[in-house]
Amino acid sequence: MKRTGDEYFDSEEFRELLDSYEESVSSGSSVMLDSDELTDIADYYHYTGDYDKADEAITQALDFFPGATAPLIYKAHEALDDDDVTTAEEYIAQIEDKESPDYQYMKAEVLIAQDKIDEAEQFLRQYFWAVPADEHNDFVIDVANIYMDYGVTEKAYEWMMRSQGDHSENFKELMGHILLALGKFEDSQRIFNELLDRDPYSSRYWNSLASAQYMSEDYSNSISSSEYAIAIDPTNPDSLINKANGLLHLNNYEEALKYYERYTDVNGEDDYSAMNKGICLLSLNRQQEALQMLKKAEELTNDSSPCQIQIYQELAFAYSSLHDVENAIKSIDKTQLMDCDHADMEVLKGHVLLENGQMERAHEAFKEAIIKSGYSPEIMIRIIVSIYDNRLVHAAYTLFKSFYKNGVDDDYPYGHAYMALCCWDLKKYDEFMEYLKLSCERRPQEARIVLGHLFPENLEPKDYYEYMTKEMNL
């Protein structure tokens, strides 16, 4: 049985249920489970990628219990995943218990899936007043969860605000995730810390805190939180991937690679872990291994994966590092018809060409990136950083000077760490100190990532300027 990181699926109760089901299937005996249990098993198989087994379990549920709510909702969700609203509605119509909350939720979900948010809201508000008052808080949580599943975070938050004095852990945990999705990272961390005060041995809460810290670019504390989760449950895949991600962002590629390996030992290989292992290998100058791992990631990905675009980007880096320019460009061109930042792809193309000495083609790609982006300052920074990464330090410095003088307002927050690095390399120490201070004030995590190698490992960015002032006897 695979570890999932899901509390129910990893529980002894579900393990016994799954063992009982699998023994019945393997022996050919009758499966003595109800429709909800068979649907839970189908959900588990689907969650772990065993789609044939999931289909087998849900088919049995529908054969034994043709009008049951849970298996028909499972099939309706499958249809919605395929953007087949008509089939989803056909399954919903077969549900016998039209009074069940799950039936009502599913009707609203079909509207949300079609982006008919106003109609869904009207339906849910009407149903809300038909729900007994003592069930209102549960209803609020259920509706908020549905909106979260479809990424309609603002509506999830609005529904949570309808709750009357709900101080339950379920409510607080969901609110923590909603705040995280809304980018309110400090508020999210506060809630998960409160939950940990109640239950310090919850690996789920530690992982949620680690995610909030990671999103706020507090990678060191994110790693610490994931370590608490690992201490509680060494085989929890969320804990392992959280720590690996934190290590990767702190450029600790050797350790990150170990934790991605531990994750795949527990969870199996997926496109995300394979991609990140490829990134680590590439950063460790193990280019051939990196290329093979990224090819594996490409084999494992699909059009619905959030990793697909980045996999092609990383393949381009891998091919470029091996001076295979044409395959690098082909990897980038695979994104042409995809929903992505095409200006960013042109920057990447320019980087590949510059790395391989094709200056004129690189210049054209960078020019195209600027035009496609509508002269975005962020794209200009990426271009200058690419020029720096290709060891054209003086050119990068000159472009940064012009950029900050003529291209953006004085309070523009990005890129100062890279300018500081240019000044350091060129021994322009007065300017280095100026941009170091700006970087640490405006983007401390950027300062850590870009300039951290110049400072003691455990020194916080807020202390970089003072430390360097003493070191340089200023």
Protein backbone atom coordinates (compact mmCIF):
# COMPACT_ATOMS: atom_id res chain seq x y z
CA MET A 1 0.00 0.00 0.00
CA LYS A 2 1.40 3.38 -1.04
CA ARG A 3 1.82 6.22 1.43
CA THR A 4 -0.22 9.21 0.30
CA GLY A 5 0.07 11.93 2.94
CA ASP A 6 -3.73 11.76 3.27
CA GLU A 7 -4.75 11.09 6.85
CA TYR A 8 -7.60 8.72 6.03
CA PHE A 9 -5.89 6.80 3.24
CA ASP A 10 -2.83 6.27 5.46
CA SER A 11 -4.90 5.18 8.47
CA GLU A 12 -5.07 1.66 9.87
CA GLU A 13 -8.84 1.73 9.34
CA PHE A 14 -8.50 2.28 5.59
CA ARG A 15 -5.57 -0.14 5.33
CA GLU A 16 -7.78 -2.92 6.74
CA LEU A 17 -10.57 -1.97 4.35
CA LEU A 18 -8.24 -2.02 1.35
CA ASP A 19 -6.67 -5.35 2.41
CA SER A 20 -10.13 -6.89 2.73
CA TYR A 21 -11.11 -5.65 -0.73
CA GLU A 22 -7.90 -6.79 -2.42
CA GLU A 23 -8.10 -10.24 -0.81
CA SER A 24 -11.65 -10.63 -2.14
CA VAL A 25 -10.63 -9.54 -5.63
CA SER A 26 -7.57 -11.82 -5.76
CA SER A 27 -9.53 -14.85 -4.48
CA GLY A 28 -12.52 -14.23 -6.71
CA SER A 29 -14.91 -14.13 -3.78
CA SER A 30 -17.76 -11.66 -3.34
CA VAL A 31 -16.82 -8.17 -2.19
CA MET A 32 -18.79 -7.48 1.00
CA LEU A 33 -18.48 -3.70 1.12
CA ASP A 34 -21.01 -0.89 0.84
CA SER A 35 -21.09 1.81 -1.84
CA ASP A 36 -19.23 4.40 0.25
CA GLU A 37 -16.42 1.97 1.06
CA LEU A 38 -16.03 0.92 -2.57
CA THR A 39 -15.95 4.59 -3.60
CA ASP A 40 -13.27 5.30 -0.99
CA ILE A 41 -11.20 2.48 -2.49
CA ALA A 42 -11.72 3.86 -6.01
CA ASP A 43 -10.67 7.31 -4.72
CA TYR A 44 -7.51 5.80 -3.23
CA TYR A 45 -6.56 4.02 -6.45
CA HIS A 46 -7.23 7.16 -8.46
CA TYR A 47 -5.19 9.24 -6.00
CA THR A 48 -2.22 6.86 -6.33
CA GLY A 49 -2.47 6.60 -10.12
CA ASP A 50 -3.88 3.05 -10.35
CA TYR A 51 -6.66 4.11 -12.71
CA ASP A 52 -7.60 0.62 -13.94
CA LYS A 53 -8.11 -0.58 -10.37
CA ALA A 54 -10.10 2.58 -9.61
CA ASP A 55 -12.40 1.84 -12.56
CA GLU A 56 -12.82 -1.75 -11.37
CA ALA A 57 -13.80 -0.67 -7.85
CA ILE A 58 -16.26 2.00 -8.96
CA THR A 59 -17.82 -0.35 -11.52
CA GLN A 60 -18.48 -2.84 -8.75
CA ALA A 61 -20.03 -0.09 -6.63
CA LEU A 62 -22.39 0.91 -9.45
CA ASP A 63 -23.24 -2.73 -10.24
CA PHE A 64 -24.12 -3.51 -6.63
CA PHE A 65 -25.68 -0.13 -5.76
CA PRO A 66 -26.95 1.43 -9.02
CA GLY A 67 -28.57 4.55 -7.49
CA ALA A 68 -26.11 5.15 -4.68
CA THR A 69 -24.86 8.70 -4.20
CA ALA A 70 -21.10 8.23 -3.67
CA PRO A 71 -20.21 6.18 -6.80
CA LEU A 72 -22.40 8.32 -9.05
CA ILE A 73 -20.74 11.48 -7.73
CA TYR A 74 -17.34 9.84 -8.37
CA LYS A 75 -18.35 9.25 -12.02
CA ALA A 76 -19.74 12.79 -12.30
CA HIS A 77 -16.39 14.15 -11.09
CA GLU A 78 -14.60 12.02 -13.69
CA ALA A 79 -16.81 13.51 -16.39
CA LEU A 80 -16.15 17.06 -15.16
CA ASP A 81 -12.42 16.34 -15.22
CA ASP A 82 -12.91 15.58 -18.93
CA ASP A 83 -14.97 18.77 -19.38
CA ASP A 84 -18.00 16.59 -20.18
CA VAL A 85 -20.81 18.42 -18.39
CA THR A 86 -23.57 16.48 -20.15
CA THR A 87 -22.31 13.13 -18.89
CA ALA A 88 -21.79 14.56 -15.41
CA GLU A 89 -25.42 15.70 -15.33
CA GLU A 90 -26.57 12.27 -16.50
CA TYR A 91 -24.79 10.61 -13.57
CA ILE A 92 -26.19 13.17 -11.12
CA ALA A 93 -29.73 12.52 -12.42
CA GLN A 94 -29.35 8.82 -11.49
CA ILE A 95 -28.82 9.60 -7.79
CA GLU A 96 -31.85 8.28 -5.88
CA ASP A 97 -31.51 10.45 -2.78
CA LYS A 98 -32.28 13.88 -4.19
CA GLU A 99 -32.45 15.34 -0.68
CA SER A 100 -28.85 14.49 0.23
CA PRO A 101 -26.43 17.40 0.67
CA ASP A 102 -23.95 15.67 -1.66
CA TYR A 103 -26.53 15.74 -4.46
CA GLN A 104 -27.06 19.47 -3.91
CA TYR A 105 -23.33 20.15 -3.76
CA MET A 106 -22.82 18.28 -7.01
CA LYS A 107 -25.44 20.37 -8.81
CA ALA A 108 -23.64 23.51 -7.65
CA GLU A 109 -20.29 22.04 -8.64
CA VAL A 110 -21.46 21.52 -12.22
CA LEU A 111 -22.25 25.24 -12.40
CA ILE A 112 -18.86 26.18 -10.92
CA ALA A 113 -17.10 23.86 -13.38
CA GLN A 114 -18.79 25.81 -16.19
CA ASP A 115 -17.65 29.09 -14.58
CA LYS A 116 -21.28 29.98 -13.84
CA ILE A 117 -20.32 31.38 -10.46
CA ASP A 118 -23.30 33.73 -10.05
CA GLU A 119 -25.75 30.87 -10.74
CA ALA A 120 -23.87 28.59 -8.34
CA GLU A 121 -23.97 31.30 -5.68
CA GLN A 122 -27.70 31.79 -6.08
CA PHE A 123 -28.31 28.04 -5.85
CA LEU A 124 -26.09 27.61 -2.78
CA ARG A 125 -27.57 30.59 -0.93
CA GLN A 126 -31.09 29.24 -1.46
CA TYR A 127 -30.06 25.82 -0.23
CA PHE A 128 -28.19 27.33 2.74
CA TRP A 129 -31.46 28.58 4.27
CA ALA A 130 -33.00 25.11 3.91
CA VAL A 131 -30.20 23.64 6.03
CA PRO A 132 -30.88 23.35 9.79
CA ALA A 133 -29.19 26.15 11.73
CA ASP A 134 -27.01 23.74 13.70
CA GLU A 135 -25.56 22.48 10.40
CA HIS A 136 -24.76 25.89 8.92
CA ASN A 137 -21.09 25.82 9.90
CA ASP A 138 -20.60 22.38 8.31
CA PHE A 139 -22.33 23.63 5.18
CA VAL A 140 -20.02 26.66 5.03
CA ILE A 141 -16.95 24.44 5.22
CA ASP A 142 -18.29 22.09 2.53
CA VAL A 143 -19.03 24.95 0.13
CA ALA A 144 -15.67 26.61 0.79
CA ASN A 145 -13.93 23.31 0.05
CA ILE A 146 -15.76 23.02 -3.27
CA TYR A 147 -14.73 26.52 -4.29
CA MET A 148 -11.14 25.76 -3.27
CA ASP A 149 -11.15 22.63 -5.45
CA TYR A 150 -11.91 24.85 -8.44
CA GLY A 151 -9.49 27.61 -7.48
CA VAL A 152 -12.27 30.14 -6.76
CA THR A 153 -10.49 31.23 -3.61
CA GLU A 154 -12.25 34.56 -3.09
CA LYS A 155 -15.65 32.83 -2.94
CA ALA A 156 -14.25 30.23 -0.55
CA TYR A 157 -13.16 33.06 1.73
CA GLU A 158 -16.55 34.78 1.47
CA TRP A 159 -18.32 31.60 2.54
CA MET A 160 -15.96 31.08 5.46
CA MET A 161 -16.91 34.56 6.64
CA ARG A 162 -20.53 33.35 6.95
CA SER A 163 -19.53 30.98 9.72
CA GLN A 164 -20.91 31.78 13.16
CA GLY A 165 -18.32 31.26 15.87
CA ASP A 166 -16.75 28.13 14.42
CA HIS A 167 -13.51 27.50 16.31
CA SER A 168 -13.12 23.91 15.16
CA GLU A 169 -9.81 22.61 13.87
CA ASN A 170 -11.41 21.80 10.50
CA PHE A 171 -12.52 25.42 10.12
CA LYS A 172 -9.15 26.87 11.13
CA GLU A 173 -7.21 24.46 8.91
CA LEU A 174 -9.30 25.28 5.86
CA MET A 175 -9.00 29.01 6.60
CA GLY A 176 -5.23 28.59 6.80
CA HIS A 177 -5.19 27.04 3.32
CA ILE A 178 -7.51 29.71 1.91
CA LEU A 179 -5.33 32.50 3.27
CA LEU A 180 -2.28 30.76 1.80
CA ALA A 181 -3.98 30.61 -1.61
CA LEU A 182 -4.86 34.31 -1.31
CA GLY A 183 -1.20 35.16 -0.70
CA LYS A 184 -1.77 36.13 2.93
CA PHE A 185 1.23 34.10 4.05
CA GLU A 186 1.76 35.61 7.49
CA ASP A 187 -1.91 35.13 8.43
CA SER A 188 -1.75 31.56 7.16
CA GLN A 189 1.36 30.86 9.24
CA ARG A 190 -0.32 32.32 12.32
CA ILE A 191 -3.25 29.93 11.96
CA PHE A 192 -1.09 26.84 11.46
CA ASN A 193 1.03 27.84 14.46
CA GLU A 194 -2.18 28.08 16.51
CA LEU A 195 -3.19 24.62 15.33
CA LEU A 196 0.23 23.28 16.26
CA ASP A 197 -0.16 24.74 19.73
CA ARG A 198 -3.21 22.47 20.03
CA ASP A 199 -1.63 19.46 18.36
CA PRO A 200 2.18 19.65 18.08
CA TYR A 201 2.36 16.09 16.74
CA SER A 202 0.34 16.70 13.60
CA SER A 203 2.58 16.19 10.57
CA ARG A 204 -0.23 17.66 8.45
CA TYR A 205 -0.10 20.98 10.32
CA TRP A 206 3.71 21.07 10.19
CA ASN A 207 3.56 20.49 6.44
CA SER A 208 0.97 23.22 6.00
CA LEU A 209 3.16 25.62 7.98
CA ALA A 210 6.16 24.58 5.87
CA SER A 211 4.17 25.37 2.70
CA ALA A 212 3.18 28.82 3.99
CA GLN A 213 6.79 29.56 4.94
CA TYR A 214 8.00 28.30 1.56
CA MET A 215 5.56 30.56 -0.30
CA SER A 216 6.76 33.55 1.70
CA GLU A 217 10.33 32.60 0.66
CA ASP A 218 11.29 31.75 4.23
CA TYR A 219 13.07 28.60 3.09
CA SER A 220 15.13 27.96 6.22
CA ASN A 221 12.08 27.89 8.48
CA SER A 222 10.17 25.89 5.89
CA ILE A 223 12.89 23.23 6.07
CA SER A 224 12.75 23.28 9.88
CA SER A 225 8.98 22.76 9.85
CA SER A 226 9.26 19.91 7.37
CA GLU A 227 11.90 18.31 9.61
CA TYR A 228 9.41 18.27 12.50
CA ALA A 229 6.92 16.57 10.17
CA ILE A 230 9.52 14.01 9.08
CA ALA A 231 10.40 13.29 12.72
CA ILE A 232 6.72 12.51 13.35
CA ASP A 233 6.31 10.43 10.17
CA PRO A 234 9.52 9.65 8.22
CA THR A 235 7.59 8.29 5.23
CA ASN A 236 5.13 11.16 4.75
CA PRO A 237 5.58 12.24 1.11
CA ASP A 238 4.49 15.84 1.73
CA SER A 239 7.14 16.24 4.43
CA LEU A 240 9.87 14.85 2.19
CA ILE A 241 8.95 16.97 -0.81
CA ASN A 242 8.67 20.11 1.34
CA LYS A 243 12.17 19.63 2.71
CA ALA A 244 13.55 18.82 -0.74
CA ASN A 245 12.00 21.99 -2.19
CA GLY A 246 13.42 24.15 0.59
CA LEU A 247 16.88 22.70 0.13
CA LEU A 248 16.68 23.23 -3.61
CA HIS A 249 15.87 26.91 -3.16
CA LEU A 250 18.82 27.30 -0.81
CA ASN A 251 21.05 25.76 -3.51
CA ASN A 252 21.81 22.69 -1.38
CA TYR A 253 21.49 20.41 -4.37
CA GLU A 254 23.15 17.29 -2.95
CA GLU A 255 20.80 17.17 0.05
CA ALA A 256 17.78 18.15 -2.02
CA LEU A 257 18.49 15.28 -4.40
CA LYS A 258 18.55 12.84 -1.47
CA TYR A 259 15.13 13.97 -0.30
CA TYR A 260 13.61 13.85 -3.78
CA GLU A 261 14.91 10.26 -3.93
CA ARG A 262 13.34 9.50 -0.55
CA TYR A 263 10.08 10.98 -1.83
CA THR A 264 10.08 8.74 -4.90
CA ASP A 265 10.93 5.69 -2.78
CA VAL A 266 7.72 6.35 -0.84
CA ASN A 267 5.45 7.81 -3.50
CA GLY A 268 6.80 6.53 -6.80
CA GLU A 269 8.20 8.71 -9.57
CA ASP A 270 6.09 11.55 -10.92
CA ASP A 271 6.85 14.39 -13.31
CA TYR A 272 7.39 16.90 -10.48
CA SER A 273 9.97 14.87 -8.58
CA ALA A 274 11.74 13.78 -11.77
CA MET A 275 11.93 17.39 -12.95
CA ASN A 276 13.40 18.58 -9.67
CA LYS A 277 15.91 15.76 -9.58
CA GLY A 278 16.93 16.84 -13.06
CA ILE A 279 17.37 20.42 -11.83
CA CYS A 280 19.58 19.23 -8.96
CA LEU A 281 21.70 17.07 -11.25
CA LEU A 282 22.12 19.92 -13.72
CA SER A 283 23.17 22.27 -10.93
CA LEU A 284 25.74 19.65 -9.84
CA ASN A 285 27.18 19.62 -13.39
CA ARG A 286 25.95 16.06 -13.98
CA GLN A 287 24.51 17.06 -17.33
CA GLN A 288 23.97 13.67 -18.96
CA GLU A 289 22.21 12.32 -15.86
CA ALA A 290 20.15 15.50 -15.70
CA LEU A 291 19.09 15.16 -19.34
CA GLN A 292 17.96 11.55 -18.83
CA MET A 293 16.00 12.47 -15.71
CA LEU A 294 14.31 15.40 -17.46
CA LYS A 295 13.41 13.15 -20.39
CA LYS A 296 11.76 10.85 -17.85
CA ALA A 297 9.86 13.85 -16.47
CA GLU A 298 8.68 14.64 -20.02
CA GLU A 299 7.45 11.05 -20.40
CA LEU A 300 5.54 11.28 -17.12
CA THR A 301 3.93 14.68 -17.71
CA ASN A 302 0.70 15.52 -19.53
CA ASP A 303 -1.20 18.57 -20.72
CA SER A 304 -2.97 19.04 -17.38
CA SER A 305 0.24 19.00 -15.34
CA PRO A 306 1.42 22.31 -13.86
CA CYS A 307 4.99 21.06 -14.42
CA GLN A 308 4.84 20.64 -18.18
CA ILE A 309 6.07 24.10 -19.17
CA GLN A 310 8.94 24.06 -16.68
CA ILE A 311 10.00 20.60 -17.82
CA TYR A 312 10.54 21.95 -21.34
CA GLN A 313 12.44 24.90 -19.88
CA GLU A 314 14.73 22.62 -17.90
CA LEU A 315 15.25 20.37 -20.92
CA ALA A 316 16.38 23.45 -22.82
CA PHE A 317 18.92 24.24 -20.08
CA ALA A 318 20.16 20.63 -20.11
CA TYR A 319 20.57 20.49 -23.89
CA SER A 320 22.23 23.91 -23.89
CA SER A 321 24.74 22.84 -21.24
CA LEU A 322 25.71 20.01 -23.61
CA HIS A 323 25.90 22.53 -26.52
CA ASP A 324 23.01 20.84 -28.31
CA VAL A 325 21.46 24.14 -29.37
CA GLU A 326 18.91 22.80 -31.81
CA ASN A 327 17.34 20.34 -29.36
CA ALA A 328 17.32 23.10 -26.74
CA ILE A 329 15.39 25.37 -29.12
CA LYS A 330 13.03 22.49 -30.02
CA SER A 331 12.22 22.01 -26.35
CA ILE A 332 11.35 25.70 -26.03
CA ASP A 333 9.29 25.65 -29.22
CA LYS A 334 7.11 22.85 -27.79
CA THR A 335 5.55 25.53 -25.59
CA GLN A 336 4.46 27.75 -28.48
CA LEU A 337 0.84 26.59 -28.43
CA MET A 338 0.65 26.29 -24.64
CA ASP A 339 -0.76 28.75 -22.15
CA CYS A 340 2.45 30.23 -20.76
CA ASP A 341 4.55 33.39 -20.68
CA HIS A 342 5.84 33.42 -24.24
CA ALA A 343 8.02 36.47 -23.58
CA ASP A 344 9.78 34.45 -20.88
CA MET A 345 10.32 31.66 -23.39
CA GLU A 346 12.01 34.12 -25.73
CA VAL A 347 14.32 35.13 -22.88
CA LEU A 348 15.19 31.48 -22.40
CA LYS A 349 15.83 31.08 -26.11
CA GLY A 350 18.13 34.10 -26.01
CA HIS A 351 19.95 32.64 -23.01
CA VAL A 352 20.55 29.34 -24.81
CA LEU A 353 21.84 31.11 -27.91
CA LEU A 354 24.07 33.42 -25.87
CA GLU A 355 25.45 30.50 -23.88
CA ASN A 356 26.49 28.89 -27.15
CA GLY A 357 28.07 31.97 -28.69
CA GLN A 358 25.28 32.86 -31.13
CA MET A 359 25.21 36.56 -30.30
CA GLU A 360 23.07 37.87 -33.17
CA ARG A 361 20.33 35.25 -32.73
CA ALA A 362 20.38 35.87 -28.97
CA HIS A 363 19.95 39.61 -29.53
CA GLU A 364 16.92 38.96 -31.76
CA ALA A 365 15.36 36.64 -29.19
CA PHE A 366 15.85 39.18 -26.38
CA LYS A 367 14.38 41.92 -28.57
CA GLU A 368 11.36 39.71 -29.29
CA ALA A 369 10.93 39.01 -25.58
CA ILE A 370 10.84 42.74 -24.76
CA ILE A 371 8.24 43.41 -27.47
CA LYS A 372 6.06 40.43 -26.51
CA SER A 373 6.10 41.47 -22.87
CA GLY A 374 5.04 45.03 -23.60
CA TYR A 375 8.42 46.26 -22.35
CA SER A 376 7.98 44.61 -18.96
CA PRO A 377 10.66 45.57 -16.37
CA GLU A 378 10.66 41.99 -15.06
CA ILE A 379 11.53 40.63 -18.51
CA MET A 380 14.31 43.22 -18.82
CA ILE A 381 15.77 42.01 -15.51
CA ARG A 382 15.68 38.40 -16.71
CA ILE A 383 17.52 39.39 -19.86
CA ILE A 384 20.21 41.25 -17.90
CA VAL A 385 20.59 38.32 -15.49
CA SER A 386 21.01 36.01 -18.49
CA ILE A 387 23.73 38.30 -19.82
CA TYR A 388 25.44 38.20 -16.40
CA ASP A 389 25.12 34.40 -16.20
CA ASN A 390 26.89 34.21 -19.53
CA ARG A 391 29.87 36.01 -17.96
CA LEU A 392 29.26 39.32 -19.73
CA VAL A 393 29.52 41.10 -16.40
CA HIS A 394 30.38 44.61 -17.60
CA ALA A 395 27.55 44.55 -20.14
CA ALA A 396 25.12 43.46 -17.42
CA TYR A 397 26.36 46.21 -15.11
CA THR A 398 25.92 48.86 -17.80
CA LEU A 399 22.40 47.65 -18.61
CA PHE A 400 21.43 47.60 -14.93
CA LYS A 401 22.69 51.19 -14.51
CA SER A 402 20.54 52.35 -17.39
CA PHE A 403 17.59 50.25 -16.19
CA TYR A 404 17.51 51.76 -12.70
CA LYS A 405 18.18 55.27 -13.96
CA ASN A 406 15.70 55.40 -16.84
CA GLY A 407 13.54 52.26 -16.83
CA VAL A 408 11.77 52.13 -13.45
CA ASP A 409 10.74 54.26 -10.47
CA ASP A 410 13.11 54.74 -7.55
CA ASP A 411 11.07 52.40 -5.34
CA TYR A 412 11.13 49.49 -7.81
CA PRO A 413 11.86 46.42 -5.61
CA TYR A 414 13.39 43.81 -7.91
CA GLY A 415 16.84 42.92 -9.18
CA HIS A 416 19.08 44.89 -6.81
CA ALA A 417 20.82 41.73 -5.57
CA TYR A 418 21.96 40.95 -9.12
CA MET A 419 23.21 44.49 -9.60
CA ALA A 420 25.09 44.18 -6.30
CA LEU A 421 26.70 41.00 -7.60
CA CYS A 422 27.80 42.76 -10.79
CA CYS A 423 29.37 45.52 -8.68
CA TRP A 424 31.12 42.95 -6.48
CA ASP A 425 32.61 41.17 -9.47
CA LEU A 426 33.77 44.47 -10.94
CA LYS A 427 35.21 45.59 -7.58
CA LYS A 428 32.91 48.62 -7.48
CA TYR A 429 32.53 48.25 -3.74
CA ASP A 430 30.80 51.57 -2.97
CA GLU A 431 28.04 50.73 -5.43
CA PHE A 432 27.99 47.16 -4.16
CA MET A 433 27.16 48.42 -0.67
CA GLU A 434 24.45 50.71 -2.03
CA TYR A 435 22.68 47.91 -3.92
CA LEU A 436 23.28 45.37 -1.15
CA LYS A 437 21.39 47.64 1.25
CA LEU A 438 18.50 48.12 -1.20
CA SER A 439 18.30 44.38 -1.85
CA CYS A 440 18.22 43.43 1.83
CA GLU A 441 15.56 46.04 2.57
CA ARG A 442 13.29 45.31 -0.38
CA ARG A 443 13.83 41.64 -1.27
CA PRO A 444 15.70 39.84 1.55
CA GLN A 445 15.13 36.35 0.15
CA GLU A 446 16.44 37.44 -3.26
CA ALA A 447 19.49 38.79 -1.42
CA ARG A 448 19.97 35.43 0.32
CA ILE A 449 19.70 33.43 -2.90
CA VAL A 450 21.89 35.69 -5.05
CA LEU A 451 24.41 36.98 -2.51
CA GLY A 452 24.34 34.39 0.27
CA HIS A 453 27.62 32.83 -0.86
CA LEU A 454 29.38 36.04 0.19
CA PHE A 455 28.25 35.68 3.82
CA PRO A 456 28.30 33.14 6.66
CA GLU A 457 25.70 30.44 6.01
CA ASN A 458 23.45 31.20 9.00
CA LEU A 459 23.55 34.98 8.70
CA GLU A 460 20.15 36.57 8.00
CA PRO A 461 19.90 39.03 5.06
CA LYS A 462 18.90 41.82 7.45
CA ASP A 463 22.44 41.55 8.88
CA TYR A 464 24.32 41.41 5.55
CA TYR A 465 24.93 45.14 5.29
CA GLU A 466 26.30 45.51 8.80
CA TYR A 467 28.47 42.41 8.39
CA MET A 468 29.95 43.64 5.12
CA THR A 469 30.50 47.13 6.54
CA LYS A 470 32.73 45.60 9.21
CA GLU A 471 34.45 43.23 6.80
CA MET A 472 35.37 46.07 4.44
CA ASN A 473 36.26 48.45 7.30
CA LEU A 474 33.85 51.05 6.07
